[in-house]
Amino acid sequence: MKNLERSNIKDISQDMIAALQVVALKHGIQFTSKGCSFTSTSANFRIEAAVVGDGGVIETRERTDFPLYAASYGLKPEWLDKSFVHGADTFTIIGLSTRKHKQPVLAKNARNNKTYVFPNNTVSALMNIQHPVTA
């Protein structure tokens, strides 16, 4: 390989995560690629390690932050792992990114299993409509 390019960086990142599977299984964690910065001759990969909790749930920073900071974003801590419908898709709340001010809520799409970000006021409105509190 003479130069690093976006196409081969993605392949290298996937190969690194695959190679780390033995370590992940041994220690009960999961590695996730969190991006990369690179030039034509060098690269800096960011990899997150997270504990695999009960039921195979990955305990990421965003997941553990949700119950801690939900109220300050106008959300309810019990909404973690709850689903809401947005458009034609169903999303499950999986965390809160305190670093993202405009769209801090992370939710996984049930159809394609991809993670999307949402504004907290949108999620709050949808959850209050779709999961009203009954006394």
Protein backbone atom coordinates (compact mmCIF):
# COMPACT_ATOMS: atom_id res chain seq x y z
CA MET A 1 0.00 0.00 0.00
CA LYS A 2 1.47 3.33 -1.04
CA ASN A 3 -1.21 5.77 0.17
CA LEU A 4 -4.08 5.78 2.64
CA GLU A 5 -7.46 6.68 1.14
CA ARG A 6 -11.00 6.73 2.49
CA SER A 7 -11.84 3.39 0.86
CA ASN A 8 -8.92 1.46 2.35
CA ILE A 9 -9.23 3.22 5.74
CA LYS A 10 -12.74 1.75 6.08
CA ASP A 11 -11.44 -1.73 5.24
CA ILE A 12 -8.57 -1.38 7.72
CA SER A 13 -10.97 -0.24 10.45
CA GLN A 14 -13.26 -3.23 9.86
CA ASP A 15 -10.28 -5.61 9.90
CA MET A 16 -9.04 -4.10 13.18
CA ILE A 17 -12.43 -4.58 14.86
CA ALA A 18 -12.60 -8.16 13.58
CA ALA A 19 -9.08 -8.87 14.86
CA LEU A 20 -10.05 -7.55 18.31
CA GLN A 21 -12.94 -10.05 18.63
CA VAL A 22 -10.76 -12.58 20.49
CA VAL A 23 -9.84 -9.93 23.08
CA ALA A 24 -13.47 -8.77 23.30
CA LEU A 25 -14.79 -12.29 23.97
CA LYS A 26 -12.07 -12.99 26.53
CA HIS A 27 -12.89 -9.87 28.55
CA GLY A 28 -16.66 -9.55 27.99
CA ILE A 29 -16.48 -6.25 26.14
CA GLN A 30 -17.31 -4.97 22.68
CA PHE A 31 -15.08 -2.82 20.49
CA THR A 32 -16.65 -0.23 18.20
CA SER A 33 -14.96 1.97 15.63
CA LYS A 34 -15.53 5.62 16.45
CA GLY A 35 -13.99 7.10 13.33
CA CYS A 36 -10.57 7.96 12.05
CA SER A 37 -8.52 10.95 11.02
CA PHE A 38 -5.90 10.36 8.38
CA THR A 39 -3.48 11.78 5.87
CA SER A 40 -2.11 10.03 2.83
CA THR A 41 0.62 8.41 4.96
CA SER A 42 -0.74 7.99 8.50
CA ALA A 43 -3.99 7.37 10.36
CA ASN A 44 -5.34 7.80 13.88
CA PHE A 45 -8.15 5.33 14.65
CA ARG A 46 -10.58 5.83 17.54
CA ILE A 47 -11.90 2.62 19.08
CA GLU A 48 -14.31 2.43 22.00
CA ALA A 49 -14.41 -0.52 24.39
CA ALA A 50 -17.67 -1.03 26.29
CA VAL A 51 -18.78 -3.65 28.80
CA VAL A 52 -21.39 -6.15 27.64
CA GLY A 53 -24.03 -6.07 30.37
CA ASP A 54 -26.95 -8.30 31.25
CA GLY A 55 -28.90 -9.57 28.26
CA GLY A 56 -26.08 -8.61 25.89
CA VAL A 57 -26.70 -4.86 26.28
CA ILE A 58 -23.63 -2.78 25.48
CA GLU A 59 -23.00 -0.30 28.33
CA THR A 60 -21.76 2.71 26.35
CA ARG A 61 -21.16 6.15 27.85
CA GLU A 62 -24.31 7.43 26.11
CA ARG A 63 -26.39 4.62 27.63
CA THR A 64 -25.17 5.23 31.17
CA ASP A 65 -25.56 9.00 30.73
CA PHE A 66 -29.24 8.76 29.75
CA PRO A 67 -30.69 8.12 33.24
CA LEU A 68 -28.24 10.57 34.79
CA TYR A 69 -28.95 13.56 32.53
CA ALA A 70 -32.36 12.84 30.96
CA ALA A 71 -34.27 15.23 33.21
CA SER A 72 -32.02 18.16 32.31
CA TYR A 73 -32.92 17.57 28.66
CA GLY A 74 -36.66 17.38 29.34
CA LEU A 75 -36.67 13.58 29.03
CA LYS A 76 -37.63 10.86 31.50
CA PRO A 77 -34.99 8.36 32.63
CA GLU A 78 -37.45 5.47 32.23
CA TRP A 79 -37.63 6.13 28.48
CA LEU A 80 -34.31 4.34 27.95
CA ASP A 81 -35.00 1.22 25.84
CA LYS A 82 -38.54 2.45 25.05
CA SER A 83 -39.70 2.82 21.45
CA PHE A 84 -41.39 5.61 19.54
CA VAL A 85 -42.69 5.98 16.00
CA HIS A 86 -41.27 8.74 13.82
CA GLY A 87 -42.54 8.83 10.25
CA ALA A 88 -42.93 5.25 9.07
CA ASP A 89 -40.20 3.85 11.32
CA THR A 90 -39.99 2.68 14.91
CA PHE A 91 -36.98 3.77 16.98
CA THR A 92 -35.74 2.58 20.37
CA ILE A 93 -33.95 5.05 22.64
CA ILE A 94 -30.44 3.76 23.36
CA GLY A 95 -28.65 6.73 24.89
CA LEU A 96 -27.96 10.42 25.33
CA SER A 97 -24.92 12.14 23.87
CA THR A 98 -24.19 15.09 26.14
CA ARG A 99 -21.70 16.37 23.55
CA LYS A 100 -24.41 16.96 20.95
CA HIS A 101 -26.49 19.98 21.85
CA LYS A 102 -28.92 20.06 18.93
CA GLN A 103 -29.61 16.33 18.60
CA PRO A 104 -28.50 14.54 21.77
CA VAL A 105 -30.87 11.53 21.77
CA LEU A 106 -29.56 8.32 20.19
CA ALA A 107 -32.17 5.90 18.88
CA LYS A 108 -31.87 2.65 16.94
CA ASN A 109 -34.10 2.09 13.92
CA ALA A 110 -35.96 -1.23 14.18
CA ARG A 111 -36.01 -1.70 10.40
CA ASN A 112 -32.33 -1.30 9.52
CA ASN A 113 -30.68 -1.46 12.98
CA LYS A 114 -28.84 1.84 12.38
CA THR A 115 -28.44 4.48 15.07
CA TYR A 116 -29.91 7.93 14.46
CA VAL A 117 -29.79 11.17 16.44
CA PHE A 118 -32.84 13.22 17.41
CA PRO A 119 -33.52 16.57 19.07
CA ASN A 120 -34.58 16.07 22.69
CA ASN A 121 -37.75 18.15 22.23
CA THR A 122 -38.88 15.94 19.31
CA VAL A 123 -38.35 12.76 21.31
CA SER A 124 -40.05 14.25 24.37
CA ALA A 125 -43.11 15.28 22.34
CA LEU A 126 -43.36 11.88 20.61
CA MET A 127 -42.91 9.93 23.83
CA ASN A 128 -45.51 12.03 25.69
CA ILE A 129 -48.01 11.45 22.88
CA GLN A 130 -47.25 7.77 22.31
CA HIS A 131 -46.64 6.81 25.97
CA PRO A 132 -48.88 9.10 28.04
CA VAL A 133 -48.53 8.93 31.80
CA THR A 134 -51.65 7.46 33.38
CA ALA A 135 -52.40 8.07 37.01
